[in-house]
Every structure is written in structure tokens, then in C-alpha cells.
C-alpha atoms as a PDB file:
ATOM      1  CA  MET A   1     105.306  32.848 121.240  1.00  0.00           C
ATOM      2  CA  SER A   2     106.946  30.860 124.047  1.00  0.00           C
ATOM      3  CA  LYS A   3     107.976  34.018 125.894  1.00  0.00           C
ATOM      4  CA  TRP A   4     104.305  34.987 126.185  1.00  0.00           C
ATOM      5  CA  ARG A   5     103.419  31.586 127.630  1.00  0.00           C
ATOM      6  CA  LYS A   6     105.913  32.252 130.429  1.00  0.00           C
ATOM      7  CA  ASP A   7     104.463  35.655 131.289  1.00  0.00           C
ATOM      8  CA  LYS A   8     102.696  35.318 134.629  1.00  0.00           C
ATOM      9  CA  ARG A   9     100.081  37.886 133.591  1.00  0.00           C
ATOM     10  CA  ILE A  10      98.697  35.432 131.034  1.00  0.00           C
ATOM     11  CA  ALA A  11      96.342  32.890 132.579  1.00  0.00           C
ATOM     12  CA  LYS A  12      96.896  29.305 131.420  1.00  0.00           C
ATOM     13  CA  TRP A  13      94.491  28.246 128.699  1.00  0.00           C
ATOM     14  CA  ASN A  14      93.519  24.998 130.426  1.00  0.00           C
ATOM     15  CA  LYS A  15      92.614  26.952 133.559  1.00  0.00           C
ATOM     16  CA  LEU A  16      90.372  29.579 131.957  1.00  0.00           C
ATOM     17  CA  THR A  17      86.795  29.847 133.186  1.00  0.00           C
ATOM     18  CA  LEU A  18      83.744  31.771 132.026  1.00  0.00           C
ATOM     19  CA  ARG A  19      85.004  34.711 134.088  1.00  0.00           C
ATOM     20  CA  ASN A  20      87.757  35.248 131.551  1.00  0.00           C
ATOM     21  CA  ASN A  21      86.771  37.783 128.900  1.00  0.00           C
ATOM     22  CA  PHE A  22      88.200  35.779 126.003  1.00  0.00           C
ATOM     23  CA  MET A  23      86.599  32.491 127.114  1.00  0.00           C
ATOM     24  CA  PHE A  24      83.284  34.264 127.729  1.00  0.00           C
ATOM     25  CA  ARG A  25      83.168  35.533 124.151  1.00  0.00           C
ATOM     26  CA  LEU A  26      84.023  32.099 122.745  1.00  0.00           C
ATOM     27  CA  VAL A  27      81.324  30.350 124.778  1.00  0.00           C
ATOM     28  CA  MET A  28      78.755  32.936 123.737  1.00  0.00           C
ATOM     29  CA  GLU A  29      79.394  32.135 120.084  1.00  0.00           C
ATOM     30  CA  LYS A  30      76.910  29.329 120.703  1.00  0.00           C
ATOM     31  CA  GLN A  31      73.629  31.062 119.885  1.00  0.00           C
ATOM     32  CA  GLU A  32      71.466  29.098 122.305  1.00  0.00           C
ATOM     33  CA  LEU A  33      73.859  29.700 125.206  1.00  0.00           C
ATOM     34  CA  CYS A  34      73.949  33.426 124.462  1.00  0.00           C
ATOM     35  CA  LYS A  35      70.175  33.685 124.119  1.00  0.00           C
ATOM     36  CA  LYS A  36      69.702  31.842 127.410  1.00  0.00           C
ATOM     37  CA  LEU A  37      72.168  34.195 129.123  1.00  0.00           C
ATOM     38  CA  ILE A  38      70.119  37.241 128.106  1.00  0.00           C
ATOM     39  CA  GLU A  39      66.864  35.582 129.158  1.00  0.00           C
ATOM     40  CA  CYS A  40      68.337  34.569 132.502  1.00  0.00           C
ATOM     41  CA  ILE A  41      69.719  38.017 133.332  1.00  0.00           C
ATOM     42  CA  LEU A  42      66.711  40.055 132.180  1.00  0.00           C
ATOM     43  CA  GLY A  43      63.943  37.588 133.052  1.00  0.00           C
ATOM     44  CA  ILE A  44      62.498  37.700 129.530  1.00  0.00           C
ATOM     45  CA  LYS A  45      61.884  35.321 126.632  1.00  0.00           C
ATOM     46  CA  ILE A  46      63.216  35.981 123.155  1.00  0.00           C
ATOM     47  CA  LYS A  47      62.780  33.867 120.042  1.00  0.00           C
ATOM     48  CA  SER A  48      66.107  34.424 118.354  1.00  0.00           C
ATOM     49  CA  ILE A  49      69.234  36.569 118.209  1.00  0.00           C
ATOM     50  CA  SER A  50      71.631  37.568 115.473  1.00  0.00           C
ATOM     51  CA  TYR A  51      75.267  38.457 116.021  1.00  0.00           C
ATOM     52  CA  MET A  52      76.868  41.670 115.004  1.00  0.00           C
ATOM     53  CA  GLU A  53      80.633  41.622 114.387  1.00  0.00           C
ATOM     54  CA  HIS A  54      82.342  39.974 117.371  1.00  0.00           C
ATOM     55  CA  GLU A  55      84.036  42.545 119.601  1.00  0.00           C
ATOM     56  CA  LYS A  56      82.174  45.145 117.500  1.00  0.00           C
ATOM     57  CA  SER A  57      84.183  48.317 116.940  1.00  0.00           C
ATOM     58  CA  PHE A  58      82.519  51.724 116.820  1.00  0.00           C
ATOM     59  CA  GLU A  59      84.225  54.909 115.732  1.00  0.00           C
ATOM     60  CA  ALA A  60      82.135  58.077 116.061  1.00  0.00           C
ATOM     61  CA  ASN A  61      84.698  60.199 114.203  1.00  0.00           C
ATOM     62  CA  LEU A  62      88.440  60.507 113.820  1.00  0.00           C
ATOM     63  CA  LYS A  63      88.849  62.594 116.976  1.00  0.00           C
ATOM     64  CA  SER A  64      86.560  60.645 119.325  1.00  0.00           C
ATOM     65  CA  LYS A  65      87.425  57.666 121.510  1.00  0.00           C
ATOM     66  CA  GLY A  66      86.579  54.356 119.840  1.00  0.00           C
ATOM     67  CA  ILE A  67      85.027  51.483 121.763  1.00  0.00           C
ATOM     68  CA  ARG A  68      84.973  47.735 121.356  1.00  0.00           C
ATOM     69  CA  LEU A  69      82.014  45.666 122.507  1.00  0.00           C
ATOM     70  CA  ASP A  70      82.620  42.170 123.861  1.00  0.00           C
ATOM     71  CA  LEU A  71      79.291  40.784 122.715  1.00  0.00           C
ATOM     72  CA  PHE A  72      76.777  42.667 120.601  1.00  0.00           C
ATOM     73  CA  VAL A  73      73.567  40.947 119.475  1.00  0.00           C
ATOM     74  CA  ILE A  74      70.114  41.950 118.257  1.00  0.00           C
ATOM     75  CA  ASP A  75      66.918  39.963 118.815  1.00  0.00           C
ATOM     76  CA  GLU A  76      64.030  39.339 116.415  1.00  0.00           C
ATOM     77  CA  ASP A  77      62.336  42.600 117.473  1.00  0.00           C
ATOM     78  CA  GLY A  78      65.430  44.697 116.797  1.00  0.00           C
ATOM     79  CA  VAL A  79      66.346  45.142 120.467  1.00  0.00           C
ATOM     80  CA  ALA A  80      70.114  45.526 120.929  1.00  0.00           C
ATOM     81  CA  TYR A  81      72.129  43.891 123.714  1.00  0.00           C
ATOM     82  CA  ASP A  82      75.719  44.741 124.607  1.00  0.00           C
ATOM     83  CA  ILE A  83      77.109  42.263 127.155  1.00  0.00           C
ATOM     84  CA  GLU A  84      80.465  42.769 128.866  1.00  0.00           C
ATOM     85  CA  MET A  85      82.415  40.517 131.241  1.00  0.00           C
ATOM     86  CA  GLN A  86      84.184  42.813 133.705  1.00  0.00           C
ATOM     87  CA  MET A  87      86.859  41.465 136.065  1.00  0.00           C
ATOM     88  CA  ASP A  88      88.930  44.621 136.591  1.00  0.00           C
ATOM     89  CA  ASN A  89      87.509  46.822 139.353  1.00  0.00           C
ATOM     90  CA  SER A  90      90.230  49.473 139.108  1.00  0.00           C
ATOM     91  CA  TYR A  91      87.864  51.974 137.488  1.00  0.00           C
ATOM     92  CA  LYS A  92      84.523  50.786 138.810  1.00  0.00           C
ATOM     93  CA  GLU A  93      83.485  54.336 139.755  1.00  0.00           C
ATOM     94  CA  PHE A  94      83.419  55.151 136.031  1.00  0.00           C
ATOM     95  CA  LEU A  95      81.277  52.216 134.906  1.00  0.00           C
ATOM     96  CA  GLY A  96      78.181  54.411 134.694  1.00  0.00           C
ATOM     97  CA  ARG A  97      79.896  56.886 132.401  1.00  0.00           C
ATOM     98  CA  ARG A  98      81.311  54.037 130.392  1.00  0.00           C
ATOM     99  CA  THR A  99      77.809  52.725 129.694  1.00  0.00           C
ATOM    100  CA  ARG A 100      76.755  56.253 128.743  1.00  0.00           C
ATOM    101  CA  TYR A 101      79.505  56.418 126.125  1.00  0.00           C
ATOM    102  CA  TYR A 102      78.735  52.944 124.822  1.00  0.00           C
ATOM    103  CA  ILE A 103      75.054  53.775 124.377  1.00  0.00           C
ATOM    104  CA  SER A 104      75.694  57.165 122.776  1.00  0.00           C
ATOM    105  CA  THR A 105      78.107  55.633 120.272  1.00  0.00           C
ATOM    106  CA  MET A 106      75.767  52.739 119.519  1.00  0.00           C
ATOM    107  CA  ASP A 107      72.914  55.170 118.941  1.00  0.00           C
ATOM    108  CA  ASN A 108      75.043  57.338 116.691  1.00  0.00           C
ATOM    109  CA  ASN A 109      75.357  54.355 114.344  1.00  0.00           C
ATOM    110  CA  ALA A 110      71.745  53.191 114.708  1.00  0.00           C
ATOM    111  CA  LEU A 111      69.845  55.762 112.639  1.00  0.00           C
ATOM    112  CA  LYS A 112      70.361  56.574 109.004  1.00  0.00           C
ATOM    113  CA  LYS A 113      69.842  60.056 107.581  1.00  0.00           C
ATOM    114  CA  GLY A 114      66.140  60.871 107.416  1.00  0.00           C
ATOM    115  CA  GLU A 115      65.032  58.218 109.911  1.00  0.00           C
ATOM    116  CA  ARG A 116      62.888  59.250 112.888  1.00  0.00           C
ATOM    117  CA  TYR A 117      63.780  59.058 116.574  1.00  0.00           C
ATOM    118  CA  SER A 118      60.873  56.645 117.004  1.00  0.00           C
ATOM    119  CA  GLN A 119      62.917  54.171 114.940  1.00  0.00           C
ATOM    120  CA  LEU A 120      65.744  54.212 117.464  1.00  0.00           C
ATOM    121  CA  ARG A 121      65.974  50.685 118.807  1.00  0.00           C
ATOM    122  CA  LYS A 122      65.609  49.659 122.431  1.00  0.00           C
ATOM    123  CA  SER A 123      68.998  48.932 123.986  1.00  0.00           C
ATOM    124  CA  TYR A 124      70.400  47.060 126.963  1.00  0.00           C
ATOM    125  CA  VAL A 125      73.948  47.380 128.256  1.00  0.00           C
ATOM    126  CA  ILE A 126      74.784  44.513 130.607  1.00  0.00           C
ATOM    127  CA  PHE A 127      77.961  44.336 132.683  1.00  0.00           C
ATOM    128  CA  ILE A 128      78.704  41.037 134.418  1.00  0.00           C
ATOM    129  CA  CYS A 129      81.054  42.086 137.218  1.00  0.00           C
ATOM    130  CA  THR A 130      83.094  39.722 139.382  1.00  0.00           C
ATOM    131  CA  PHE A 131      83.001  42.425 142.087  1.00  0.00           C
ATOM    132  CA  ASP A 132      80.339  44.670 143.608  1.00  0.00           C
ATOM    133  CA  PRO A 133      80.269  47.781 141.380  1.00  0.00           C
ATOM    134  CA  PHE A 134      78.220  49.877 143.824  1.00  0.00           C
ATOM    135  CA  GLY A 135      78.959  48.403 147.250  1.00  0.00           C
ATOM    136  CA  ARG A 136      75.326  47.710 148.173  1.00  0.00           C
ATOM    137  CA  GLY A 137      75.553  43.926 148.218  1.00  0.00           C
ATOM    138  CA  LEU A 138      72.948  43.384 145.499  1.00  0.00           C
ATOM    139  CA  ALA A 139      73.426  40.662 142.907  1.00  0.00           C
ATOM    140  CA  LYS A 140      71.653  42.710 140.237  1.00  0.00           C
ATOM    141  CA  TYR A 141      71.450  46.475 139.730  1.00  0.00           C
ATOM    142  CA  THR A 142      69.050  47.763 137.060  1.00  0.00           C
ATOM    143  CA  PHE A 143      68.976  51.415 136.018  1.00  0.00           C
ATOM    144  CA  ASN A 144      66.425  53.373 134.006  1.00  0.00           C
ATOM    145  CA  ALA A 145      65.852  57.135 133.774  1.00  0.00           C
ATOM    146  CA  ILE A 146      63.477  57.985 136.651  1.00  0.00           C
ATOM    147  CA  CYS A 147      62.011  61.391 137.529  1.00  0.00           C
ATOM    148  CA  ASN A 148      63.538  62.684 140.776  1.00  0.00           C
ATOM    149  CA  GLU A 149      60.268  64.361 141.798  1.00  0.00           C
ATOM    150  CA  ASP A 150      58.035  61.361 141.038  1.00  0.00           C
ATOM    151  CA  HIS A 151      59.708  57.950 141.083  1.00  0.00           C
ATOM    152  CA  SER A 152      56.695  56.358 139.411  1.00  0.00           C
ATOM    153  CA  LEU A 153      57.499  58.358 136.268  1.00  0.00           C
ATOM    154  CA  VAL A 154      60.063  56.657 134.024  1.00  0.00           C
ATOM    155  CA  LEU A 155      61.504  58.405 130.983  1.00  0.00           C
ATOM    156  CA  ASP A 156      60.873  56.175 127.973  1.00  0.00           C
ATOM    157  CA  ASP A 157      64.264  56.567 126.299  1.00  0.00           C
ATOM    158  CA  GLY A 158      64.540  52.866 125.468  1.00  0.00           C
ATOM    159  CA  VAL A 159      67.761  52.392 127.432  1.00  0.00           C
ATOM    160  CA  THR A 160      68.328  49.965 130.318  1.00  0.00           C
ATOM    161  CA  ARG A 161      71.617  49.430 132.117  1.00  0.00           C
ATOM    162  CA  VAL A 162      72.115  46.230 134.107  1.00  0.00           C
ATOM    163  CA  PHE A 163      75.050  45.372 136.355  1.00  0.00           C
ATOM    164  CA  ILE A 164      75.431  41.824 137.660  1.00  0.00           C
ATOM    165  CA  ASN A 165      77.495  41.338 140.823  1.00  0.00           C
ATOM    166  CA  THR A 166      78.555  37.691 140.989  1.00  0.00           C
ATOM    167  CA  GLU A 167      79.447  38.108 144.658  1.00  0.00           C
ATOM    168  CA  GLY A 168      76.094  39.648 145.659  1.00  0.00           C
ATOM    169  CA  ASP A 169      73.094  38.426 147.667  1.00  0.00           C
ATOM    170  CA  ARG A 170      71.331  35.754 145.601  1.00  0.00           C
ATOM    171  CA  HIS A 171      68.130  35.606 147.662  1.00  0.00           C
ATOM    172  CA  ARG A 172      66.433  38.464 145.796  1.00  0.00           C
ATOM    173  CA  ILE A 173      66.977  37.172 142.272  1.00  0.00           C
ATOM    174  CA  SER A 174      65.595  34.254 140.270  1.00  0.00           C
ATOM    175  CA  LYS A 175      66.834  30.743 140.887  1.00  0.00           C
ATOM    176  CA  GLU A 176      68.179  30.613 137.332  1.00  0.00           C
ATOM    177  CA  LEU A 177      70.188  33.831 137.707  1.00  0.00           C
ATOM    178  CA  ALA A 178      71.472  32.719 141.112  1.00  0.00           C
ATOM    179  CA  SER A 179      72.695  29.496 139.546  1.00  0.00           C
ATOM    180  CA  LEU A 180      74.366  31.403 136.692  1.00  0.00           C
ATOM    181  CA  ILE A 181      76.293  33.840 138.877  1.00  0.00           C
ATOM    182  CA  GLY A 182      77.212  31.001 141.204  1.00  0.00           C
ATOM    183  CA  TYR A 183      78.794  29.196 138.276  1.00  0.00           C
ATOM    184  CA  ILE A 184      80.650  32.328 137.135  1.00  0.00           C
ATOM    185  CA  SER A 185      81.904  32.892 140.675  1.00  0.00           C
ATOM    186  CA  THR A 186      82.864  29.349 141.720  1.00  0.00           C
ATOM    187  CA  GLY A 187      82.497  27.060 138.691  1.00  0.00           C
ATOM    188  CA  GLU A 188      79.848  25.010 140.483  1.00  0.00           C
ATOM    189  CA  VAL A 189      77.274  23.373 138.198  1.00  0.00           C
ATOM    190  CA  THR A 190      73.764  23.466 139.681  1.00  0.00           C
ATOM    191  CA  ASP A 191      71.310  23.244 136.757  1.00  0.00           C
ATOM    192  CA  ASP A 192      71.005  22.296 133.093  1.00  0.00           C
ATOM    193  CA  TYR A 193      72.154  25.684 131.806  1.00  0.00           C
ATOM    194  CA  THR A 194      75.312  25.833 133.912  1.00  0.00           C
ATOM    195  CA  GLN A 195      75.987  22.240 132.860  1.00  0.00           C
ATOM    196  CA  ASP A 196      75.803  23.304 129.210  1.00  0.00           C
ATOM    197  CA  LEU A 197      78.108  26.255 129.896  1.00  0.00           C
ATOM    198  CA  ASP A 198      80.615  24.060 131.692  1.00  0.00           C
ATOM    199  CA  GLU A 199      80.661  21.488 128.902  1.00  0.00           C
ATOM    200  CA  GLU A 200      81.352  24.222 126.354  1.00  0.00           C
ATOM    201  CA  VAL A 201      84.187  25.678 128.462  1.00  0.00           C
ATOM    202  CA  ARG A 202      85.783  22.237 128.775  1.00  0.00           C
ATOM    203  CA  ALA A 203      85.412  21.546 125.055  1.00  0.00           C
ATOM    204  CA  LEU A 204      87.094  24.846 124.186  1.00  0.00           C
ATOM    205  CA  ARG A 205      90.012  24.119 126.513  1.00  0.00           C
ATOM    206  CA  ASN A 206      90.720  21.006 124.428  1.00  0.00           C
ATOM    207  CA  ASP A 207      90.731  22.976 121.175  1.00  0.00           C
ATOM    208  CA  ASP A 208      94.349  23.701 120.219  1.00  0.00           C
ATOM    209  CA  GLY A 209      93.258  26.172 117.556  1.00  0.00           C
ATOM    210  CA  ARG A 210      91.377  28.250 120.081  1.00  0.00           C
ATOM    211  CA  GLU A 211      94.384  28.170 122.404  1.00  0.00           C
ATOM    212  CA  ARG A 212      96.555  29.633 119.648  1.00  0.00           C
ATOM    213  CA  ASP A 213      93.934  32.336 119.082  1.00  0.00           C
ATOM    214  CA  TYR A 214      94.042  33.133 122.799  1.00  0.00           C
ATOM    215  CA  MET A 215      97.818  33.446 122.908  1.00  0.00           C
ATOM    216  CA  THR A 216      97.806  35.685 119.831  1.00  0.00           C
ATOM    217  CA  TYR A 217      95.076  37.826 121.388  1.00  0.00           C
ATOM    218  CA  MET A 218      96.994  38.203 124.663  1.00  0.00           C
ATOM    219  CA  GLN A 219     100.195  38.976 122.799  1.00  0.00           C
ATOM    220  CA  THR A 220      98.464  41.751 120.888  1.00  0.00           C
ATOM    221  CA  ILE A 221      97.044  43.257 124.083  1.00  0.00           C
ATOM    222  CA  MET A 222     100.397  43.207 125.871  1.00  0.00           C
ATOM    223  CA  GLU A 223     102.174  44.746 122.903  1.00  0.00           C
ATOM    224  CA  HIS A 224      99.662  47.601 122.982  1.00  0.00           C
ATOM    225  CA  GLU A 225     100.323  48.036 126.716  1.00  0.00           C
END
């Protein structure tokens, strides 16, 4: 494993922040931290969440493209949340289509034979981007299906897509969300929640077992590449 430690493409474990996909998933294993993240981003209150399989894998059929979700949880009302940490902006022009595929695959697994469309659960796909995905300078972009002819008419399909831009203008968002994206961007602690996140990140860095998991994970990824 030593050769992987020397590879410059692998960030050092003791330097990882919440921006790192692997560290993000580990931190969000703490239920209260994950629940607070959803509440902060969406401006809602939820009582509880339950985790689906970490890095949930969906396969529509043998010929289709499979997907893996970073963080997939469901709240007490059955609302589904897929949350992704996105640092690579190489394919940012395809993020919209990526969310489309994620949602379609999630929905394909949501209903059993004989169930009605009304039983299809409400879903959110949330991308936390360390870059501006749309170049408009906003810190938060929220998309729903709106009628082109009458913007007051929203199609009730139960799907909401949210993109967070950690480098965006923080004046038009809540103080809590501004503090969160500030921490993701710079590591600066400015409130109780970011303090809790920072303490968890630091605790994980001191966990040798988690470091071994990280190196194994990175090795697997690079072997696939």
C-alpha cells in the first residue's frame, strides 16, 4: 500500500476536509450532522432520517449505466434525499442530465408492481459544488418543473434539484447556509454546527482504521482508472 501513499493524486489523510468526497460521507454517518445538513440547505425541519446503503448502488438492468449515490437517506415522511459532494468541474455542463438519470433510476426502484403513481415518494437531489455550476454567481440554485407559458404554474412531479455553489454570493441565503458553505470552502468555524462538523473531521483524521479504509478506497478507484 506504500506505493499508493506516494501517489501525488491521493490527498493526505490528515489534510482531508469536508470538501473531500470520502471524508464527507464519513462525517455524514453521524445522523444528527446529516439531518442538520439537509435542514440547513433546504430551510426545512425534519424529525428523523434513516440511511439507505452507503454509496447506494442502483442497477436498472444489465445493459443500463449503473450509478452510485454518495449519501442516500429517507426522512420520517418517506421523502428521499440524495446528497453529493462535487469537486470535479470537468463535466459541469452535464450535471443537469446527471440528476435526471439519478432521479429516473431512483424512481425505477421506488414502486413495486401494482403500486400507484401517487405512492411515488418526493425526492431531492442535492449537489454541493466547490465551483459555480451555472456561472451566475448564486450560492444556491433550486430547480423545479415550471410551465414556460405561466411561471406561476409548477408541475407537481415531486422532484426538486438543488445545487450549492460554495464560492457563490452568500448575501441571498440564510445565515446558517452561509456559515456552512463558508466552512466547506475555507474551513472557518463560525457557528455551533460548523464547530460540530469540524470536531468530527478532526476526530476522523485521528482514526487509523478510517485512514486504512481511505487508502483502500483510493487504491480501488485508481485501479479502475
